[in-house]
Amino acid sequence: MESVALIFIQKIANFLIVYHHCRKIGWKSQGSNPKPGEISLAHQGVLFLDEIPEFDRKVLEALREPLENGKITISRAAQQAEFPAQFQLIAAMNPSPQGVEIDSIAAQRYRAKLSGPLLDRIDMHLEIPRVPATEFNSPSEEETSAEVRVRVVRAREIMQQRQEKPNAQLSSSELNAVAVLDAKNQLFLNQAIEKLKLSGRARNRILKVARTIADLDGKPEIDTPCLSEAMGYRNLDRLFRIG
């Protein structure tokens, strides 16, 4: 790929941070001879993109294949190569170029830099509200990282016993077998899909997250609270319907 973005790479253990403001050629692979690029360097780790709308559109669209298949195919004139690219994508963005407004035309255009097919492949999009100054010095009553880790390890053990793989790696047929909804919750999900005009891929992402929430809570089936929470993690689906 030609130079299409300003990118700076910082590798910390299995956490690869990519910034848009420093030039870097070879987002997918470098040179005429295919070699692993930044996407593959994040394999089995975390790929963090800061200010994701500031990346070139072609750079972002290159994420679609690895997010879907866990691999990246590089084609050059002389040869073609395939590299592993199974990573957890985490990205950050402001709601608008100014960082605060949501409903303006400028804000909508800013969010539109993220295509619908790319958003479909991202399990969760969360709006993080501004933290009031008074809360910075307040004692925290949240779970500690150690407590959360215990629940995550237990949930992954449940997944391994049930299907021998994490929920994120389930195929559509495998997902349908372990994420069965009762009639009420199926209607609830169908209505949300129609209202937000979600794709089948987005539906599967919601079900995978709902199945994971149920596993974290130790529930054998997906109930309404699990499904509602999973749908609540699709903030950009709603923001893209504004205006």
C-alpha atoms as a PDB file:
ATOM      1  CA  MET A   1       0.000   0.000   0.000  1.00  0.00           C
ATOM      2  CA  GLU A   2       1.249   3.475  -0.793  1.00  0.00           C
ATOM      3  CA  SER A   3       1.626   6.086   1.900  1.00  0.00           C
ATOM      4  CA  VAL A   4      -1.975   6.806   2.873  1.00  0.00           C
ATOM      5  CA  ALA A   5      -1.781   7.893   6.490  1.00  0.00           C
ATOM      6  CA  LEU A   6       0.307   9.574   9.096  1.00  0.00           C
ATOM      7  CA  ILE A   7       1.065   6.760  11.496  1.00  0.00           C
ATOM      8  CA  PHE A   8       3.406   6.321  14.440  1.00  0.00           C
ATOM      9  CA  ILE A   9       3.946   2.880  15.920  1.00  0.00           C
ATOM     10  CA  GLN A  10       4.590   2.179  19.597  1.00  0.00           C
ATOM     11  CA  LYS A  11       4.845  -1.467  20.692  1.00  0.00           C
ATOM     12  CA  ILE A  12       4.408  -2.238  24.394  1.00  0.00           C
ATOM     13  CA  ALA A  13       4.422  -6.001  25.020  1.00  0.00           C
ATOM     14  CA  ASN A  14       1.333  -7.252  23.144  1.00  0.00           C
ATOM     15  CA  PHE A  15      -0.224  -3.784  22.994  1.00  0.00           C
ATOM     16  CA  LEU A  16       0.415  -2.036  19.667  1.00  0.00           C
ATOM     17  CA  ILE A  17      -0.439   1.686  19.680  1.00  0.00           C
ATOM     18  CA  VAL A  18      -0.841   3.414  16.300  1.00  0.00           C
ATOM     19  CA  TYR A  19      -1.151   7.192  15.985  1.00  0.00           C
ATOM     20  CA  HIS A  20      -2.231   8.996  12.838  1.00  0.00           C
ATOM     21  CA  HIS A  21       0.096  12.012  13.038  1.00  0.00           C
ATOM     22  CA  CYS A  22       3.501  10.514  12.075  1.00  0.00           C
ATOM     23  CA  ARG A  23       4.234   9.145   8.612  1.00  0.00           C
ATOM     24  CA  LYS A  24       4.472   5.383   8.218  1.00  0.00           C
ATOM     25  CA  ILE A  25       4.354   3.457   4.949  1.00  0.00           C
ATOM     26  CA  GLY A  26       3.128  -0.116   4.972  1.00  0.00           C
ATOM     27  CA  TRP A  27       0.038  -0.345   7.163  1.00  0.00           C
ATOM     28  CA  LYS A  28      -0.653  -3.845   5.828  1.00  0.00           C
ATOM     29  CA  SER A  29       2.778  -4.803   4.541  1.00  0.00           C
ATOM     30  CA  GLN A  30       5.993  -3.098   3.547  1.00  0.00           C
ATOM     31  CA  GLY A  31       7.710  -3.084   0.160  1.00  0.00           C
ATOM     32  CA  SER A  32       7.250  -5.127  -3.017  1.00  0.00           C
ATOM     33  CA  ASN A  33       8.176  -8.316  -1.181  1.00  0.00           C
ATOM     34  CA  PRO A  34       5.248  -9.043   1.174  1.00  0.00           C
ATOM     35  CA  LYS A  35       6.206  -8.845   4.837  1.00  0.00           C
ATOM     36  CA  PRO A  36       4.080  -8.613   7.983  1.00  0.00           C
ATOM     37  CA  GLY A  37       2.854  -5.069   8.563  1.00  0.00           C
ATOM     38  CA  GLU A  38       1.386  -3.351  11.612  1.00  0.00           C
ATOM     39  CA  ILE A  39      -1.850  -5.324  11.438  1.00  0.00           C
ATOM     40  CA  SER A  40       0.024  -8.625  11.726  1.00  0.00           C
ATOM     41  CA  LEU A  41       2.375  -7.264  14.386  1.00  0.00           C
ATOM     42  CA  ALA A  42      -0.695  -7.001  16.627  1.00  0.00           C
ATOM     43  CA  HIS A  43      -1.530 -10.716  16.158  1.00  0.00           C
ATOM     44  CA  GLN A  44      -2.634 -12.318  19.459  1.00  0.00           C
ATOM     45  CA  GLY A  45      -2.546  -8.895  21.110  1.00  0.00           C
ATOM     46  CA  VAL A  46      -4.269  -5.519  21.158  1.00  0.00           C
ATOM     47  CA  LEU A  47      -4.233  -2.964  18.330  1.00  0.00           C
ATOM     48  CA  PHE A  48      -5.058   0.519  19.643  1.00  0.00           C
ATOM     49  CA  LEU A  49      -5.912   3.325  17.198  1.00  0.00           C
ATOM     50  CA  ASP A  50      -6.051   6.805  18.715  1.00  0.00           C
ATOM     51  CA  GLU A  51      -8.345   9.367  17.030  1.00  0.00           C
ATOM     52  CA  ILE A  52      -9.569   6.770  14.546  1.00  0.00           C
ATOM     53  CA  PRO A  53     -11.496   9.183  12.232  1.00  0.00           C
ATOM     54  CA  GLU A  54      -8.210  10.975  11.510  1.00  0.00           C
ATOM     55  CA  PHE A  55      -6.802   7.888   9.746  1.00  0.00           C
ATOM     56  CA  ASP A  56      -7.073   7.696   5.987  1.00  0.00           C
ATOM     57  CA  ARG A  57     -10.211   5.857   4.864  1.00  0.00           C
ATOM     58  CA  LYS A  58      -8.175   3.259   2.937  1.00  0.00           C
ATOM     59  CA  VAL A  59      -6.175   2.466   6.055  1.00  0.00           C
ATOM     60  CA  LEU A  60      -9.337   1.865   8.064  1.00  0.00           C
ATOM     61  CA  GLU A  61     -10.977  -0.237   5.361  1.00  0.00           C
ATOM     62  CA  ALA A  62      -7.906  -2.508   5.402  1.00  0.00           C
ATOM     63  CA  LEU A  63      -9.048  -3.592   8.882  1.00  0.00           C
ATOM     64  CA  ARG A  64     -12.199  -5.233   7.564  1.00  0.00           C
ATOM     65  CA  GLU A  65     -10.580  -8.470   6.379  1.00  0.00           C
ATOM     66  CA  PRO A  66      -8.594  -9.236   9.556  1.00  0.00           C
ATOM     67  CA  LEU A  67     -11.498  -8.271  11.819  1.00  0.00           C
ATOM     68  CA  GLU A  68     -13.678 -10.738   9.914  1.00  0.00           C
ATOM     69  CA  ASN A  69     -11.229 -13.572   9.202  1.00  0.00           C
ATOM     70  CA  GLY A  70      -8.277 -13.100  11.569  1.00  0.00           C
ATOM     71  CA  LYS A  71      -5.827 -12.909   8.681  1.00  0.00           C
ATOM     72  CA  ILE A  72      -4.620 -10.471   6.050  1.00  0.00           C
ATOM     73  CA  THR A  73      -3.857 -11.246   2.398  1.00  0.00           C
ATOM     74  CA  ILE A  74      -1.181  -9.175   0.652  1.00  0.00           C
ATOM     75  CA  SER A  75      -1.056  -9.170  -3.149  1.00  0.00           C
ATOM     76  CA  ARG A  76       1.982  -7.930  -5.040  1.00  0.00           C
ATOM     77  CA  ALA A  77       2.863  -8.145  -8.719  1.00  0.00           C
ATOM     78  CA  ALA A  78       5.170 -11.110  -8.177  1.00  0.00           C
ATOM     79  CA  GLN A  79       3.418 -12.995  -5.417  1.00  0.00           C
ATOM     80  CA  GLN A  80       0.675 -13.198  -2.824  1.00  0.00           C
ATOM     81  CA  ALA A  81       1.112 -13.851   0.871  1.00  0.00           C
ATOM     82  CA  GLU A  82      -1.181 -14.438   3.827  1.00  0.00           C
ATOM     83  CA  PHE A  83      -0.313 -13.377   7.367  1.00  0.00           C
ATOM     84  CA  PRO A  84      -2.095 -14.002  10.684  1.00  0.00           C
ATOM     85  CA  ALA A  85      -3.893 -10.950  12.073  1.00  0.00           C
ATOM     86  CA  GLN A  86      -6.104 -12.022  14.938  1.00  0.00           C
ATOM     87  CA  PHE A  87      -6.112  -9.083  17.329  1.00  0.00           C
ATOM     88  CA  GLN A  88      -8.406  -7.160  19.613  1.00  0.00           C
ATOM     89  CA  LEU A  89      -9.102  -3.735  18.144  1.00  0.00           C
ATOM     90  CA  ILE A  90      -9.546  -0.813  20.532  1.00  0.00           C
ATOM     91  CA  ALA A  91     -10.030   2.683  19.121  1.00  0.00           C
ATOM     92  CA  ALA A  92     -10.748   6.145  20.487  1.00  0.00           C
ATOM     93  CA  MET A  93     -12.434   9.143  18.904  1.00  0.00           C
ATOM     94  CA  ASN A  94     -14.120  12.412  19.723  1.00  0.00           C
ATOM     95  CA  PRO A  95     -17.813  12.779  18.765  1.00  0.00           C
ATOM     96  CA  SER A  96     -16.925  15.706  16.474  1.00  0.00           C
ATOM     97  CA  PRO A  97     -13.886  17.691  15.286  1.00  0.00           C
ATOM     98  CA  GLN A  98     -14.510  20.123  18.166  1.00  0.00           C
ATOM     99  CA  GLY A  99     -14.806  17.254  20.608  1.00  0.00           C
ATOM    100  CA  VAL A 100     -18.138  18.109  22.223  1.00  0.00           C
ATOM    101  CA  GLU A 101     -21.083  18.544  19.851  1.00  0.00           C
ATOM    102  CA  ILE A 102     -22.982  15.552  18.515  1.00  0.00           C
ATOM    103  CA  ASP A 103     -25.875  16.719  16.324  1.00  0.00           C
ATOM    104  CA  SER A 104     -24.196  19.190  13.948  1.00  0.00           C
ATOM    105  CA  ILE A 105     -23.544  18.484  10.265  1.00  0.00           C
ATOM    106  CA  ALA A 106     -19.798  18.673  10.956  1.00  0.00           C
ATOM    107  CA  ALA A 107     -20.127  16.027  13.674  1.00  0.00           C
ATOM    108  CA  GLN A 108     -22.098  13.722  11.372  1.00  0.00           C
ATOM    109  CA  ARG A 109     -19.505  14.107   8.621  1.00  0.00           C
ATOM    110  CA  TYR A 110     -16.744  13.379  11.105  1.00  0.00           C
ATOM    111  CA  ARG A 111     -18.381  10.137  12.235  1.00  0.00           C
ATOM    112  CA  ALA A 112     -19.104   9.199   8.629  1.00  0.00           C
ATOM    113  CA  LYS A 113     -15.368   8.678   8.142  1.00  0.00           C
ATOM    114  CA  LEU A 114     -16.046   5.294   9.755  1.00  0.00           C
ATOM    115  CA  SER A 115     -17.912   3.179   7.206  1.00  0.00           C
ATOM    116  CA  GLY A 116     -20.908   1.048   8.084  1.00  0.00           C
ATOM    117  CA  PRO A 117     -19.117  -2.210   7.104  1.00  0.00           C
ATOM    118  CA  LEU A 118     -16.239  -1.334   9.447  1.00  0.00           C
ATOM    119  CA  LEU A 119     -18.580  -0.505  12.345  1.00  0.00           C
ATOM    120  CA  ASP A 120     -20.404  -3.782  11.744  1.00  0.00           C
ATOM    121  CA  ARG A 121     -17.179  -5.597  12.571  1.00  0.00           C
ATOM    122  CA  ILE A 122     -16.602  -3.740  15.852  1.00  0.00           C
ATOM    123  CA  ASP A 123     -18.443  -5.462  18.699  1.00  0.00           C
ATOM    124  CA  MET A 124     -18.880  -2.505  21.023  1.00  0.00           C
ATOM    125  CA  HIS A 125     -18.959   1.283  20.555  1.00  0.00           C
ATOM    126  CA  LEU A 126     -19.283   3.186  23.803  1.00  0.00           C
ATOM    127  CA  GLU A 127     -19.912   6.857  24.466  1.00  0.00           C
ATOM    128  CA  ILE A 128     -17.839   7.894  27.481  1.00  0.00           C
ATOM    129  CA  PRO A 129     -19.384  10.917  29.232  1.00  0.00           C
ATOM    130  CA  ARG A 130     -17.324  13.682  30.745  1.00  0.00           C
ATOM    131  CA  VAL A 131     -16.367  12.931  34.357  1.00  0.00           C
ATOM    132  CA  PRO A 132     -17.407  15.701  36.789  1.00  0.00           C
ATOM    133  CA  ALA A 133     -14.469  17.269  38.615  1.00  0.00           C
ATOM    134  CA  THR A 134     -15.980  16.304  41.990  1.00  0.00           C
ATOM    135  CA  GLU A 135     -15.646  12.605  41.184  1.00  0.00           C
ATOM    136  CA  PHE A 136     -11.887  12.617  40.677  1.00  0.00           C
ATOM    137  CA  ASN A 137     -11.223  12.568  44.412  1.00  0.00           C
ATOM    138  CA  SER A 138     -14.174  10.369  45.355  1.00  0.00           C
ATOM    139  CA  PRO A 139     -13.404   6.887  46.693  1.00  0.00           C
ATOM    140  CA  SER A 140     -14.042   4.214  44.068  1.00  0.00           C
ATOM    141  CA  GLU A 141     -16.624   1.527  44.758  1.00  0.00           C
ATOM    142  CA  GLU A 142     -16.004  -0.323  41.493  1.00  0.00           C
ATOM    143  CA  GLU A 143     -14.546  -3.800  41.196  1.00  0.00           C
ATOM    144  CA  THR A 144     -10.786  -4.032  41.261  1.00  0.00           C
ATOM    145  CA  SER A 145      -8.873  -5.333  38.250  1.00  0.00           C
ATOM    146  CA  ALA A 146      -8.083  -8.494  40.215  1.00  0.00           C
ATOM    147  CA  GLU A 147     -11.785  -9.088  40.899  1.00  0.00           C
ATOM    148  CA  VAL A 148     -12.689  -8.538  37.248  1.00  0.00           C
ATOM    149  CA  ARG A 149      -9.923 -10.915  36.171  1.00  0.00           C
ATOM    150  CA  VAL A 150     -11.434 -13.703  38.267  1.00  0.00           C
ATOM    151  CA  ARG A 151     -14.793 -13.295  36.516  1.00  0.00           C
ATOM    152  CA  VAL A 152     -13.160 -13.140  33.071  1.00  0.00           C
ATOM    153  CA  VAL A 153     -11.107 -16.289  33.669  1.00  0.00           C
ATOM    154  CA  ARG A 154     -14.211 -18.097  34.904  1.00  0.00           C
ATOM    155  CA  ALA A 155     -16.211 -16.962  31.847  1.00  0.00           C
ATOM    156  CA  ARG A 156     -13.492 -18.134  29.465  1.00  0.00           C
ATOM    157  CA  GLU A 157     -13.460 -21.522  31.191  1.00  0.00           C
ATOM    158  CA  ILE A 158     -17.223 -21.755  30.600  1.00  0.00           C
ATOM    159  CA  MET A 159     -16.708 -20.964  26.898  1.00  0.00           C
ATOM    160  CA  GLN A 160     -13.928 -23.523  26.601  1.00  0.00           C
ATOM    161  CA  GLN A 161     -16.036 -26.240  28.206  1.00  0.00           C
ATOM    162  CA  ARG A 162     -19.075 -25.411  26.047  1.00  0.00           C
ATOM    163  CA  GLN A 163     -17.499 -24.888  22.613  1.00  0.00           C
ATOM    164  CA  GLU A 164     -13.689 -25.120  22.995  1.00  0.00           C
ATOM    165  CA  LYS A 165     -13.153 -21.540  21.791  1.00  0.00           C
ATOM    166  CA  PRO A 166     -13.950 -17.940  22.852  1.00  0.00           C
ATOM    167  CA  ASN A 167     -17.336 -16.537  21.862  1.00  0.00           C
ATOM    168  CA  ALA A 168     -15.623 -14.045  19.548  1.00  0.00           C
ATOM    169  CA  GLN A 169     -14.420 -16.914  17.330  1.00  0.00           C
ATOM    170  CA  LEU A 170     -17.798 -18.605  16.895  1.00  0.00           C
ATOM    171  CA  SER A 171     -19.106 -19.105  13.367  1.00  0.00           C
ATOM    172  CA  SER A 172     -22.710 -18.137  12.586  1.00  0.00           C
ATOM    173  CA  SER A 173     -23.932 -21.721  12.933  1.00  0.00           C
ATOM    174  CA  GLU A 174     -22.013 -22.224  16.189  1.00  0.00           C
ATOM    175  CA  LEU A 175     -23.397 -18.961  17.541  1.00  0.00           C
ATOM    176  CA  ASN A 176     -26.974 -19.968  16.732  1.00  0.00           C
ATOM    177  CA  ALA A 177     -26.461 -23.135  18.768  1.00  0.00           C
ATOM    178  CA  VAL A 178     -25.228 -21.414  21.944  1.00  0.00           C
ATOM    179  CA  ALA A 179     -27.111 -18.091  21.773  1.00  0.00           C
ATOM    180  CA  VAL A 180     -30.693 -19.297  21.597  1.00  0.00           C
ATOM    181  CA  LEU A 181     -33.283 -16.640  22.480  1.00  0.00           C
ATOM    182  CA  ASP A 182     -36.808 -17.172  23.718  1.00  0.00           C
ATOM    183  CA  ALA A 183     -39.691 -15.679  21.715  1.00  0.00           C
ATOM    184  CA  LYS A 184     -39.813 -12.459  23.747  1.00  0.00           C
ATOM    185  CA  ASN A 185     -36.118 -11.700  23.408  1.00  0.00           C
ATOM    186  CA  GLN A 186     -36.055 -12.701  19.736  1.00  0.00           C
ATOM    187  CA  LEU A 187     -38.814 -10.147  19.078  1.00  0.00           C
ATOM    188  CA  PHE A 188     -36.908  -7.557  21.113  1.00  0.00           C
ATOM    189  CA  LEU A 189     -33.754  -8.126  19.029  1.00  0.00           C
ATOM    190  CA  ASN A 190     -35.634  -8.119  15.714  1.00  0.00           C
ATOM    191  CA  GLN A 191     -37.302  -4.805  16.547  1.00  0.00           C
ATOM    192  CA  ALA A 192     -33.931  -3.225  17.391  1.00  0.00           C
ATOM    193  CA  ILE A 193     -32.412  -4.524  14.143  1.00  0.00           C
ATOM    194  CA  GLU A 194     -35.258  -3.039  12.106  1.00  0.00           C
ATOM    195  CA  LYS A 195     -35.239   0.288  13.955  1.00  0.00           C
ATOM    196  CA  LEU A 196     -31.474   0.788  13.609  1.00  0.00           C
ATOM    197  CA  LYS A 197     -31.291  -0.916  10.195  1.00  0.00           C
ATOM    198  CA  LEU A 198     -28.543  -3.243  11.409  1.00  0.00           C
ATOM    199  CA  SER A 199     -26.952  -5.890   9.225  1.00  0.00           C
ATOM    200  CA  GLY A 200     -26.825  -9.610   9.885  1.00  0.00           C
ATOM    201  CA  ARG A 201     -23.183  -9.194  10.860  1.00  0.00           C
ATOM    202  CA  ALA A 202     -24.098  -6.579  13.496  1.00  0.00           C
ATOM    203  CA  ARG A 203     -26.796  -8.939  14.788  1.00  0.00           C
ATOM    204  CA  ASN A 204     -24.220 -11.675  15.292  1.00  0.00           C
ATOM    205  CA  ARG A 205     -21.896  -9.258  17.078  1.00  0.00           C
ATOM    206  CA  ILE A 206     -24.712  -8.321  19.477  1.00  0.00           C
ATOM    207  CA  LEU A 207     -25.428 -11.977  20.194  1.00  0.00           C
ATOM    208  CA  LYS A 208     -21.751 -12.747  20.843  1.00  0.00           C
ATOM    209  CA  VAL A 209     -21.543  -9.885  23.326  1.00  0.00           C
ATOM    210  CA  ALA A 210     -24.825 -10.931  24.972  1.00  0.00           C
ATOM    211  CA  ARG A 211     -23.567 -14.531  25.240  1.00  0.00           C
ATOM    212  CA  THR A 212     -20.356 -13.232  26.841  1.00  0.00           C
ATOM    213  CA  ILE A 213     -22.274 -11.071  29.323  1.00  0.00           C
ATOM    214  CA  ALA A 214     -24.337 -14.118  30.292  1.00  0.00           C
ATOM    215  CA  ASP A 215     -21.139 -16.134  30.774  1.00  0.00           C
ATOM    216  CA  LEU A 216     -19.641 -13.389  32.943  1.00  0.00           C
ATOM    217  CA  ASP A 217     -22.804 -13.452  35.062  1.00  0.00           C
ATOM    218  CA  GLY A 218     -22.818 -17.249  35.227  1.00  0.00           C
ATOM    219  CA  LYS A 219     -26.142 -17.518  33.369  1.00  0.00           C
ATOM    220  CA  PRO A 220     -26.777 -20.586  31.178  1.00  0.00           C
ATOM    221  CA  GLU A 221     -29.055 -18.636  28.801  1.00  0.00           C
ATOM    222  CA  ILE A 222     -29.177 -15.101  27.390  1.00  0.00           C
ATOM    223  CA  ASP A 223     -31.909 -13.194  29.205  1.00  0.00           C
ATOM    224  CA  THR A 224     -33.378  -9.738  28.571  1.00  0.00           C
ATOM    225  CA  PRO A 225     -30.859  -7.823  30.761  1.00  0.00           C
ATOM    226  CA  CYS A 226     -27.943  -9.471  28.915  1.00  0.00           C
ATOM    227  CA  LEU A 227     -29.439  -8.675  25.511  1.00  0.00           C
ATOM    228  CA  SER A 228     -30.319  -5.093  26.506  1.00  0.00           C
ATOM    229  CA  GLU A 229     -26.803  -4.491  27.808  1.00  0.00           C
ATOM    230  CA  ALA A 230     -25.253  -5.851  24.606  1.00  0.00           C
ATOM    231  CA  MET A 231     -27.437  -3.598  22.438  1.00  0.00           C
ATOM    232  CA  GLY A 232     -26.572  -0.671  24.684  1.00  0.00           C
ATOM    233  CA  TYR A 233     -22.950  -1.089  23.640  1.00  0.00           C
ATOM    234  CA  ARG A 234     -23.783  -0.101  20.032  1.00  0.00           C
ATOM    235  CA  ASN A 235     -23.764   3.688  20.521  1.00  0.00           C
ATOM    236  CA  LEU A 236     -22.552   4.591  17.038  1.00  0.00           C
ATOM    237  CA  ASP A 237     -25.387   2.658  15.420  1.00  0.00           C
ATOM    238  CA  ARG A 238     -27.758   5.154  17.043  1.00  0.00           C
ATOM    239  CA  LEU A 239     -25.585   8.209  16.368  1.00  0.00           C
ATOM    240  CA  PHE A 240     -25.402   7.314  12.682  1.00  0.00           C
ATOM    241  CA  ARG A 241     -29.203   7.504  12.543  1.00  0.00           C
ATOM    242  CA  ILE A 242     -29.252  11.121  13.806  1.00  0.00           C
ATOM    243  CA  GLY A 243     -30.383  13.471  11.052  1.00  0.00           C
END
